Amino acid sequence: MDALAITGGHPLQGEARIYGAKNAALPILAASVMVEGTCVIDDVPELEDVRVMIEILRNLGARVEREGTRVVVDSRYIQHTNVPADLMRRMRSSIFLMGPLLARFGEVRVSKPGGCVIGQRPIDYHVRGMRMLGAAIEEKHGYIRCTANRLHGTVVTLDFPSVGATENLIMAAALADGVTIIENAAREPEIVDLANFLRACGAVIEGDGEASIRVVGVHHLTGTEHRIIGDRIVAGTILIAAAATHGHVTVHGVQSSHLGSLLGKMRESGIRVDAARDIITVECSGPYRAVDLRTEPFPGFPTDLQAPMMAMLTTAQGTSVIRENVFEARFKHVNELARMGADISVDMRTAVVRGVSGLSGARVECTDLRGGAALIIAGLMADGVTYVENLYHVDRGYQSIDSYLRELGAQIERVQL
């Protein structure tokens, strides 16, 4: 079994180039099935979730070539629209194929998707949106079959600004007849990146990045070349790790405006932050203060950085209160942090983190993707050696995180236990 062996107490130092965002690459790869031609997508991260998406595209009949971080997709040869259930169970983001396949081919069959177990993540918003666009929906034996001769534009108001549902609706509406308005839409930067890709293919989309998005359907989309935006969650994880280890790190390739809520909390904690357009530097030479935070949809504090930030706050001066407002089961890493000496109590969606003088190395297990990142940060902070097990979750969202951190001075190795 793979694990990370981390010897703590070494401040992170240096510069890091942030690779393409997983949460932008996956919907853009899914959107490529709508295109009658070849799409060249650059800066695609080399992650397990991306490998699964590429495997799904090939299973559908698309021709996909990958060379490093460049992926070339030719969807003219798609032979069917049944997404394999075994692959869907390996990755929740496979649900992104519902809208594109339905819009281009008039039908799609998917099963309930998998992914990290971090709470209720219903696909009701996706299904309801397709139905409002005119699709007939049949749910049987764990499968969802959507059919429509043509999708028709309408007004869809989301009960919650779901990122995945917003993206699925944008993709489906891009080839629908007429105009679609998505109200209470999610505003995340990855949605803007998807819209930029689709516009380059010929789609007509306005308002992405705002709460109301307008999509005018077109008859077909053509191939293009597109570069994925930098991964703000990876950048945030590295910056938090730098501060937590009392280091000095500069990251390149991610827009500082995409991390405004995190950088604000770090400054509030007493950490020095210098941010330009796409260069961010964090320096922490002494103790830092406890802060309170609430996770919210963008531009609020991202739920994907709640666990890494909690790890940092375990040794802050004072008591921090963290309110998780997005996923109700996103505190599973708390028990593992407690094994390392953290003082954290949880009541429903609220965690109270009382700062301790230090953490100690222990054998801990990843419970989900971002919780795994938190345990790695805790290991970098801790006295002694920490073994972080069950790395499958981490490898889904972080590209070779051990070598990435090693280049910044971390004492970290991938070992067999």
Protein backbone atom coordinates (compact mmCIF):
# COMPACT_ATOMS: atom_id res chain seq x y z
CA MET A 1 0.00 0.00 0.00
CA ASP A 2 1.37 3.40 -1.00
CA ALA A 3 1.86 5.98 1.74
CA LEU A 4 3.70 9.25 2.21
CA ALA A 5 6.44 9.34 4.84
CA ILE A 6 6.82 12.94 5.99
CA THR A 7 9.47 14.23 8.36
CA GLY A 8 8.10 17.48 9.72
CA GLY A 9 9.79 20.67 10.82
CA HIS A 10 11.23 21.80 7.47
CA PRO A 11 9.92 25.20 6.25
CA LEU A 12 8.84 25.28 2.61
CA GLN A 13 10.99 27.64 0.56
CA GLY A 14 11.14 28.56 -3.13
CA GLU A 15 8.91 29.01 -6.15
CA ALA A 16 6.27 26.77 -7.71
CA ARG A 17 4.50 26.84 -11.05
CA ILE A 18 0.82 25.93 -10.63
CA TYR A 19 -0.51 23.45 -13.19
CA GLY A 20 -3.93 23.42 -14.84
CA ALA A 21 -7.07 23.16 -12.73
CA LYS A 22 -8.69 19.75 -12.40
CA ASN A 23 -12.08 21.36 -11.87
CA ALA A 24 -11.73 23.24 -15.15
CA ALA A 25 -10.16 20.44 -17.19
CA LEU A 26 -12.87 17.86 -16.47
CA PRO A 27 -15.91 19.83 -17.73
CA ILE A 28 -13.90 21.10 -20.72
CA LEU A 29 -12.94 17.54 -21.66
CA ALA A 30 -16.61 16.61 -21.34
CA ALA A 31 -17.61 19.58 -23.51
CA SER A 32 -15.29 18.36 -26.27
CA VAL A 33 -17.88 15.66 -27.16
CA MET A 34 -20.14 18.48 -28.44
CA VAL A 35 -17.56 19.65 -30.97
CA GLU A 36 -17.58 18.54 -34.61
CA GLY A 37 -13.84 18.65 -35.02
CA THR A 38 -10.60 18.48 -33.06
CA CYS A 39 -9.98 20.21 -29.74
CA VAL A 40 -6.45 20.80 -28.46
CA ILE A 41 -6.46 21.36 -24.72
CA ASP A 42 -3.23 22.49 -23.02
CA ASP A 43 -2.08 22.38 -19.40
CA VAL A 44 -4.30 19.41 -18.53
CA PRO A 45 -3.09 18.03 -15.17
CA GLU A 46 -1.88 14.45 -14.96
CA LEU A 47 -4.36 13.17 -12.39
CA GLU A 48 -6.38 10.02 -11.81
CA ASP A 49 -9.70 11.83 -12.43
CA VAL A 50 -8.41 13.13 -15.76
CA ARG A 51 -7.24 9.65 -16.75
CA VAL A 52 -10.72 8.30 -16.01
CA MET A 53 -12.39 11.04 -18.08
CA ILE A 54 -10.09 10.29 -21.02
CA GLU A 55 -10.88 6.58 -20.66
CA ILE A 56 -14.61 7.39 -20.79
CA LEU A 57 -14.18 9.50 -23.94
CA ARG A 58 -12.28 6.68 -25.64
CA ASN A 59 -14.94 4.17 -24.58
CA LEU A 60 -17.58 6.36 -26.25
CA GLY A 61 -15.53 6.23 -29.46
CA ALA A 62 -13.70 9.56 -29.38
CA ARG A 63 -10.09 9.60 -30.49
CA VAL A 64 -7.95 10.99 -27.69
CA GLU A 65 -4.20 11.51 -27.74
CA ARG A 66 -2.17 12.76 -24.82
CA GLU A 67 1.39 14.05 -24.81
CA GLY A 68 2.40 15.44 -21.43
CA THR A 69 -0.08 18.12 -20.46
CA ARG A 70 -1.55 18.46 -23.98
CA VAL A 71 -4.69 16.47 -24.83
CA VAL A 72 -6.14 16.27 -28.35
CA VAL A 73 -9.77 15.11 -28.64
CA ASP A 74 -11.57 14.28 -31.89
CA SER A 75 -15.22 13.48 -31.13
CA ARG A 76 -16.36 12.88 -34.71
CA TYR A 77 -16.06 9.13 -34.14
CA ILE A 78 -18.27 8.74 -31.06
CA GLN A 79 -20.21 5.50 -31.50
CA HIS A 80 -22.63 5.48 -28.55
CA THR A 81 -23.80 7.60 -25.60
CA ASN A 82 -23.87 5.05 -22.79
CA VAL A 83 -21.32 6.11 -20.18
CA PRO A 84 -19.84 2.96 -18.54
CA ALA A 85 -21.09 2.49 -14.99
CA ASP A 86 -17.76 1.21 -13.65
CA LEU A 87 -16.00 4.38 -14.83
CA MET A 88 -18.75 6.67 -13.50
CA ARG A 89 -18.40 5.09 -10.07
CA ARG A 90 -14.72 6.07 -10.05
CA MET A 91 -15.32 9.78 -10.61
CA ARG A 92 -18.20 12.08 -9.77
CA SER A 93 -17.30 14.54 -12.54
CA SER A 94 -18.39 12.01 -15.15
CA ILE A 95 -21.89 13.49 -14.67
CA PHE A 96 -20.62 16.41 -16.79
CA LEU A 97 -21.17 14.23 -19.86
CA MET A 98 -24.95 14.29 -19.40
CA GLY A 99 -25.53 17.73 -20.92
CA PRO A 100 -23.03 17.55 -23.81
CA LEU A 101 -24.06 14.08 -25.04
CA LEU A 102 -27.77 14.86 -24.73
CA ALA A 103 -27.37 18.17 -26.59
CA ARG A 104 -25.40 16.74 -29.51
CA PHE A 105 -26.85 13.24 -29.91
CA GLY A 106 -30.33 13.52 -28.38
CA GLU A 107 -29.78 10.82 -25.78
CA VAL A 108 -27.48 9.76 -22.96
CA ARG A 109 -27.44 6.97 -20.38
CA VAL A 110 -25.49 7.43 -17.16
CA SER A 111 -25.39 5.80 -13.75
CA LYS A 112 -25.16 7.56 -10.40
CA PRO A 113 -21.60 8.95 -10.15
CA GLY A 114 -18.99 8.20 -7.49
CA GLY A 115 -16.25 10.35 -5.93
CA CYS A 116 -15.37 11.46 -2.40
CA VAL A 117 -17.95 10.76 0.29
CA ILE A 118 -18.15 14.25 1.81
CA GLY A 119 -21.92 14.55 2.18
CA GLN A 120 -25.04 14.66 0.09
CA ARG A 121 -24.17 15.72 -3.45
CA PRO A 122 -27.41 15.02 -5.29
CA ILE A 123 -27.58 15.24 -9.06
CA ASP A 124 -31.19 16.43 -8.82
CA TYR A 125 -30.19 19.89 -10.07
CA HIS A 126 -28.64 18.35 -13.19
CA VAL A 127 -31.64 16.12 -13.92
CA ARG A 128 -34.17 18.87 -13.25
CA GLY A 129 -32.28 21.25 -15.53
CA MET A 130 -32.24 18.75 -18.42
CA ARG A 131 -35.97 18.16 -17.93
CA MET A 132 -36.67 21.91 -18.06
CA LEU A 133 -34.72 22.09 -21.34
CA GLY A 134 -37.15 19.54 -22.77
CA ALA A 135 -35.53 16.17 -22.07
CA ALA A 136 -37.51 13.09 -21.12
CA ILE A 137 -35.93 11.46 -18.04
CA GLU A 138 -36.20 7.80 -17.09
CA GLU A 139 -34.60 6.50 -13.87
CA LYS A 140 -34.39 2.75 -13.39
CA HIS A 141 -32.04 0.31 -11.66
CA GLY A 142 -29.50 3.01 -10.77
CA TYR A 143 -29.34 4.42 -14.32
CA ILE A 144 -30.60 7.69 -15.74
CA ARG A 145 -31.63 7.84 -19.40
CA CYS A 146 -32.24 11.25 -20.98
CA THR A 147 -33.71 11.68 -24.45
CA ALA A 148 -34.75 14.69 -26.54
CA ASN A 149 -35.18 15.29 -30.25
CA ARG A 150 -34.09 18.88 -29.59
CA LEU A 151 -33.48 20.79 -26.41
CA HIS A 152 -35.28 24.14 -26.09
CA GLY A 153 -34.12 27.26 -24.30
CA THR A 154 -35.88 28.25 -21.08
CA VAL A 155 -35.31 29.95 -17.73
CA VAL A 156 -33.77 27.68 -15.09
CA THR A 157 -33.45 28.93 -11.52
CA LEU A 158 -31.16 26.82 -9.35
CA ASP A 159 -32.12 26.30 -5.71
CA PHE A 160 -28.41 26.40 -4.86
CA PRO A 161 -25.57 27.79 -7.01
CA SER A 162 -24.22 24.33 -7.85
CA VAL A 163 -21.04 24.47 -9.91
CA GLY A 164 -21.63 21.14 -11.65
CA ALA A 165 -25.27 21.86 -12.48
CA THR A 166 -24.38 25.32 -13.80
CA GLU A 167 -21.72 23.82 -16.07
CA ASN A 168 -23.98 21.01 -17.30
CA LEU A 169 -26.73 23.49 -18.11
CA ILE A 170 -24.35 25.82 -19.98
CA MET A 171 -23.13 22.92 -22.12
CA ALA A 172 -26.60 21.58 -22.87
CA ALA A 173 -27.95 25.06 -23.64
CA ALA A 174 -25.10 25.82 -26.04
CA LEU A 175 -26.67 23.51 -28.65
CA ALA A 176 -30.32 24.02 -27.69
CA ASP A 177 -32.87 25.95 -29.74
CA GLY A 178 -33.42 29.48 -28.48
CA VAL A 179 -32.21 31.30 -25.39
CA THR A 180 -31.55 29.79 -21.96
CA ILE A 181 -31.23 31.90 -18.81
CA ILE A 182 -29.62 30.29 -15.76
CA GLU A 183 -30.51 32.16 -12.57
CA ASN A 184 -28.70 31.78 -9.24
CA ALA A 185 -25.81 30.36 -11.26
CA ALA A 186 -22.49 29.46 -9.65
CA ARG A 187 -19.76 32.05 -10.24
CA GLU A 188 -16.56 30.01 -9.87
CA PRO A 189 -13.56 30.78 -12.13
CA GLU A 190 -13.76 27.29 -13.60
CA ILE A 191 -17.18 28.15 -15.02
CA VAL A 192 -15.68 31.17 -16.76
CA ASP A 193 -12.94 28.94 -18.20
CA LEU A 194 -15.54 26.52 -19.56
CA ALA A 195 -17.48 29.40 -21.12
CA ASN A 196 -14.27 30.74 -22.71
CA PHE A 197 -13.61 27.32 -24.24
CA LEU A 198 -17.16 27.03 -25.59
CA ARG A 199 -17.07 30.59 -26.98
CA ALA A 200 -13.87 29.72 -28.83
CA CYS A 201 -15.81 26.80 -30.36
CA GLY A 202 -18.61 29.13 -31.50
CA ALA A 203 -21.02 29.16 -28.53
CA VAL A 204 -22.83 32.35 -27.53
CA ILE A 205 -22.61 32.81 -23.76
CA GLU A 206 -22.91 35.95 -21.64
CA GLY A 207 -22.77 36.59 -17.90
CA ASP A 208 -20.47 33.74 -16.85
CA GLY A 209 -18.91 34.63 -13.52
CA GLU A 210 -22.17 36.33 -12.53
CA ALA A 211 -25.38 35.07 -10.94
CA SER A 212 -27.34 35.19 -14.22
CA ILE A 213 -25.98 33.50 -17.35
CA ARG A 214 -27.50 33.84 -20.82
CA VAL A 215 -26.84 31.19 -23.49
CA VAL A 216 -28.04 31.51 -27.08
CA GLY A 217 -28.09 28.09 -28.71
CA VAL A 218 -26.20 27.45 -31.94
CA HIS A 219 -26.46 24.55 -34.40
CA HIS A 220 -22.91 23.25 -34.13
CA LEU A 221 -19.54 23.87 -32.51
CA THR A 222 -16.12 23.70 -34.17
CA GLY A 223 -12.70 22.69 -32.90
CA THR A 224 -10.35 25.05 -31.09
CA GLU A 225 -7.22 25.23 -28.93
CA HIS A 226 -7.53 26.19 -25.28
CA ARG A 227 -5.28 26.44 -22.20
CA ILE A 228 -6.71 25.47 -18.81
CA ILE A 229 -6.52 28.06 -16.03
CA GLY A 230 -4.22 27.47 -13.06
CA ASP A 231 -5.58 25.39 -10.20
CA ARG A 232 -6.53 27.80 -7.41
CA ILE A 233 -7.08 24.94 -4.94
CA VAL A 234 -3.59 23.53 -5.53
CA ALA A 235 -2.15 27.04 -5.22
CA GLY A 236 -4.09 27.62 -2.00
CA THR A 237 -2.90 24.29 -0.58
CA ILE A 238 0.75 25.16 -1.28
CA LEU A 239 0.38 28.67 0.19
CA ILE A 240 -1.26 27.30 3.34
CA ALA A 241 1.50 24.69 3.68
CA ALA A 242 4.12 27.42 3.34
CA ALA A 243 2.55 29.48 6.12
CA ALA A 244 1.94 26.45 8.37
CA THR A 245 5.64 25.47 8.17
CA HIS A 246 6.81 29.08 8.70
CA GLY A 247 8.21 29.19 5.19
CA HIS A 248 8.48 31.58 2.25
CA VAL A 249 6.96 30.46 -1.07
CA THR A 250 5.97 32.16 -4.32
CA VAL A 251 3.47 30.54 -6.69
CA HIS A 252 3.06 31.46 -10.35
CA GLY A 253 0.28 30.82 -12.82
CA VAL A 254 -2.90 31.36 -10.83
CA GLN A 255 -4.98 34.53 -10.68
CA SER A 256 -4.77 36.15 -7.24
CA SER A 257 -8.40 37.27 -7.65
CA HIS A 258 -9.38 33.59 -7.64
CA LEU A 259 -8.04 33.27 -4.07
CA GLY A 260 -9.19 36.55 -2.57
CA SER A 261 -11.06 35.01 0.38
CA LEU A 262 -8.14 32.76 1.35
CA LEU A 263 -5.55 35.53 1.07
CA GLY A 264 -7.75 37.79 3.20
CA LYS A 265 -7.95 35.17 5.96
CA MET A 266 -4.19 34.60 5.85
CA ARG A 267 -3.56 38.32 6.23
CA GLU A 268 -6.06 38.42 9.10
CA SER A 269 -4.04 35.65 10.73
CA GLY A 270 -0.91 37.82 10.60
CA ILE A 271 0.78 36.11 7.66
CA ARG A 272 2.51 38.29 5.07
CA VAL A 273 0.88 38.01 1.65
CA ASP A 274 2.04 39.79 -1.52
CA ALA A 275 -0.25 39.30 -4.52
CA ALA A 276 0.10 40.54 -8.08
CA ARG A 277 -2.02 39.47 -11.06
CA ASP A 278 -0.76 35.88 -11.32
CA ILE A 279 2.04 35.78 -8.73
CA ILE A 280 1.41 35.24 -5.02
CA THR A 281 4.00 35.18 -2.24
CA VAL A 282 3.40 34.02 1.33
CA GLU A 283 5.92 34.47 4.14
CA CYS A 284 5.49 33.47 7.78
CA SER A 285 8.43 33.93 10.15
CA GLY A 286 6.64 33.72 13.50
CA PRO A 287 3.41 32.75 15.25
CA TYR A 288 0.09 33.36 13.52
CA ARG A 289 -3.34 34.08 14.98
CA ALA A 290 -6.55 32.07 15.00
CA VAL A 291 -9.27 33.18 12.58
CA ASP A 292 -12.92 32.28 12.04
CA LEU A 293 -14.17 31.30 8.60
CA ARG A 294 -17.27 30.11 6.78
CA THR A 295 -17.22 28.16 3.54
CA GLU A 296 -19.41 29.64 0.83
CA PRO A 297 -19.81 29.46 -2.96
CA PHE A 298 -17.35 31.67 -4.84
CA PRO A 299 -16.25 34.37 -4.08
CA GLY A 300 -16.59 33.13 -0.49
CA PHE A 301 -14.07 30.87 1.23
CA PRO A 302 -13.82 27.64 -0.83
CA THR A 303 -14.95 24.42 0.78
CA ASP A 304 -12.03 22.69 -0.94
CA LEU A 305 -9.59 24.71 1.21
CA GLN A 306 -11.41 24.27 4.50
CA ALA A 307 -9.52 21.11 5.52
CA PRO A 308 -6.04 22.44 4.58
CA MET A 309 -6.78 25.68 6.45
CA MET A 310 -7.94 23.71 9.48
CA ALA A 311 -4.60 21.90 9.55
CA MET A 312 -2.76 25.23 9.64
CA LEU A 313 -5.03 26.58 12.38
CA THR A 314 -4.31 23.64 14.70
CA THR A 315 -1.18 25.50 15.89
CA ALA A 316 -2.52 29.06 15.64
CA GLN A 317 -2.58 31.30 18.73
CA GLY A 318 -6.13 31.24 20.07
CA THR A 319 -9.32 29.48 19.03
CA SER A 320 -10.72 29.32 15.49
CA VAL A 321 -14.32 28.55 14.55
CA ILE A 322 -14.93 26.96 11.14
CA ARG A 323 -18.44 26.72 9.70
CA GLU A 324 -18.87 24.33 6.76
CA ASN A 325 -21.84 25.55 4.71
CA VAL A 326 -21.39 23.52 1.50
CA PHE A 327 -20.94 19.83 2.42
CA GLU A 328 -22.24 18.49 5.71
CA ALA A 329 -19.77 15.60 6.00
CA ARG A 330 -16.55 17.43 5.36
CA PHE A 331 -14.98 17.07 8.80
CA LYS A 332 -13.85 13.43 8.47
CA HIS A 333 -10.22 14.49 8.67
CA VAL A 334 -10.75 15.82 12.22
CA ASN A 335 -10.25 12.43 13.89
CA GLU A 336 -6.99 11.92 12.01
CA LEU A 337 -5.72 15.38 12.99
CA ALA A 338 -6.60 14.54 16.59
CA ARG A 339 -4.28 11.52 16.36
CA MET A 340 -1.51 14.02 15.74
CA GLY A 341 -2.37 16.11 18.80
CA ALA A 342 -4.86 18.62 17.39
CA ASP A 343 -7.57 19.92 19.73
CA ILE A 344 -10.75 20.08 17.64
CA SER A 345 -14.40 19.59 18.57
CA VAL A 346 -17.20 19.27 16.03
CA ASP A 347 -20.89 20.02 16.40
CA MET A 348 -22.82 19.30 13.22
CA ARG A 349 -21.39 21.73 10.62
CA THR A 350 -19.19 23.71 13.03
CA ALA A 351 -15.65 22.88 14.13
CA VAL A 352 -13.89 24.63 17.01
CA VAL A 353 -10.09 24.50 16.64
CA ARG A 354 -8.09 25.35 19.76
CA GLY A 355 -4.48 26.08 18.90
CA VAL A 356 -1.86 23.78 20.43
CA SER A 357 1.88 24.28 20.75
CA GLY A 358 2.67 21.64 18.14
CA LEU A 359 1.64 18.43 16.38
CA SER A 360 3.40 15.06 16.57
CA GLY A 361 3.92 12.55 13.79
CA ALA A 362 1.50 9.63 13.57
CA ARG A 363 0.10 7.06 11.15
CA VAL A 364 -3.03 8.58 9.58
CA GLU A 365 -5.39 7.77 6.73
CA CYS A 366 -6.89 9.96 4.00
CA THR A 367 -10.68 9.95 4.06
CA ASP A 368 -11.19 12.19 1.03
CA LEU A 369 -9.23 14.35 -1.39
CA ARG A 370 -8.95 17.65 0.51
CA GLY A 371 -8.85 15.93 3.90
CA GLY A 372 -5.80 14.08 2.60
CA ALA A 373 -4.16 17.39 1.72
CA ALA A 374 -4.83 18.56 5.28
CA LEU A 375 -3.06 15.51 6.70
CA ILE A 376 -0.05 16.13 4.46
CA ILE A 377 0.16 19.73 5.69
CA ALA A 378 -0.13 18.51 9.28
CA GLY A 379 2.70 16.07 8.61
CA LEU A 380 4.88 18.90 7.31
CA MET A 381 4.15 20.81 10.56
CA ALA A 382 4.57 17.91 12.99
CA ASP A 383 7.48 16.79 15.12
CA GLY A 384 8.78 13.43 13.94
CA VAL A 385 7.57 11.24 11.07
CA THR A 386 4.00 11.05 9.78
CA TYR A 387 2.74 8.28 7.50
CA VAL A 388 -0.23 9.32 5.36
CA GLU A 389 -2.04 6.29 3.94
CA ASN A 390 -4.81 5.71 1.39
CA LEU A 391 -3.27 8.10 -1.15
CA TYR A 392 -5.78 7.26 -3.88
CA HIS A 393 -7.91 10.23 -2.84
CA VAL A 394 -4.99 12.67 -2.92
CA ASP A 395 -3.75 11.43 -6.30
CA ARG A 396 -7.18 12.23 -7.75
CA GLY A 397 -6.61 15.95 -7.24
CA TYR A 398 -2.89 16.65 -6.76
CA GLN A 399 -0.30 15.88 -9.42
CA SER A 400 2.72 14.10 -7.87
CA ILE A 401 2.29 16.05 -4.66
CA ASP A 402 5.31 14.40 -3.04
CA SER A 403 7.78 15.53 -5.73
CA TYR A 404 6.05 18.91 -5.90
CA LEU A 405 6.57 19.53 -2.19
CA ARG A 406 10.06 18.02 -2.23
CA GLU A 407 11.15 20.72 -4.68
CA LEU A 408 10.13 23.27 -2.02
CA GLY A 409 12.28 21.61 0.63
CA ALA A 410 9.83 19.17 2.22
CA GLN A 411 11.19 15.90 3.57
CA ILE A 412 8.63 13.63 1.97
CA GLU A 413 8.85 10.25 0.24
CA ARG A 414 6.35 7.81 -1.26
CA VAL A 415 6.85 4.44 0.42
CA GLN A 416 5.26 1.01 0.61
CA LEU A 417 3.73 -0.07 3.92
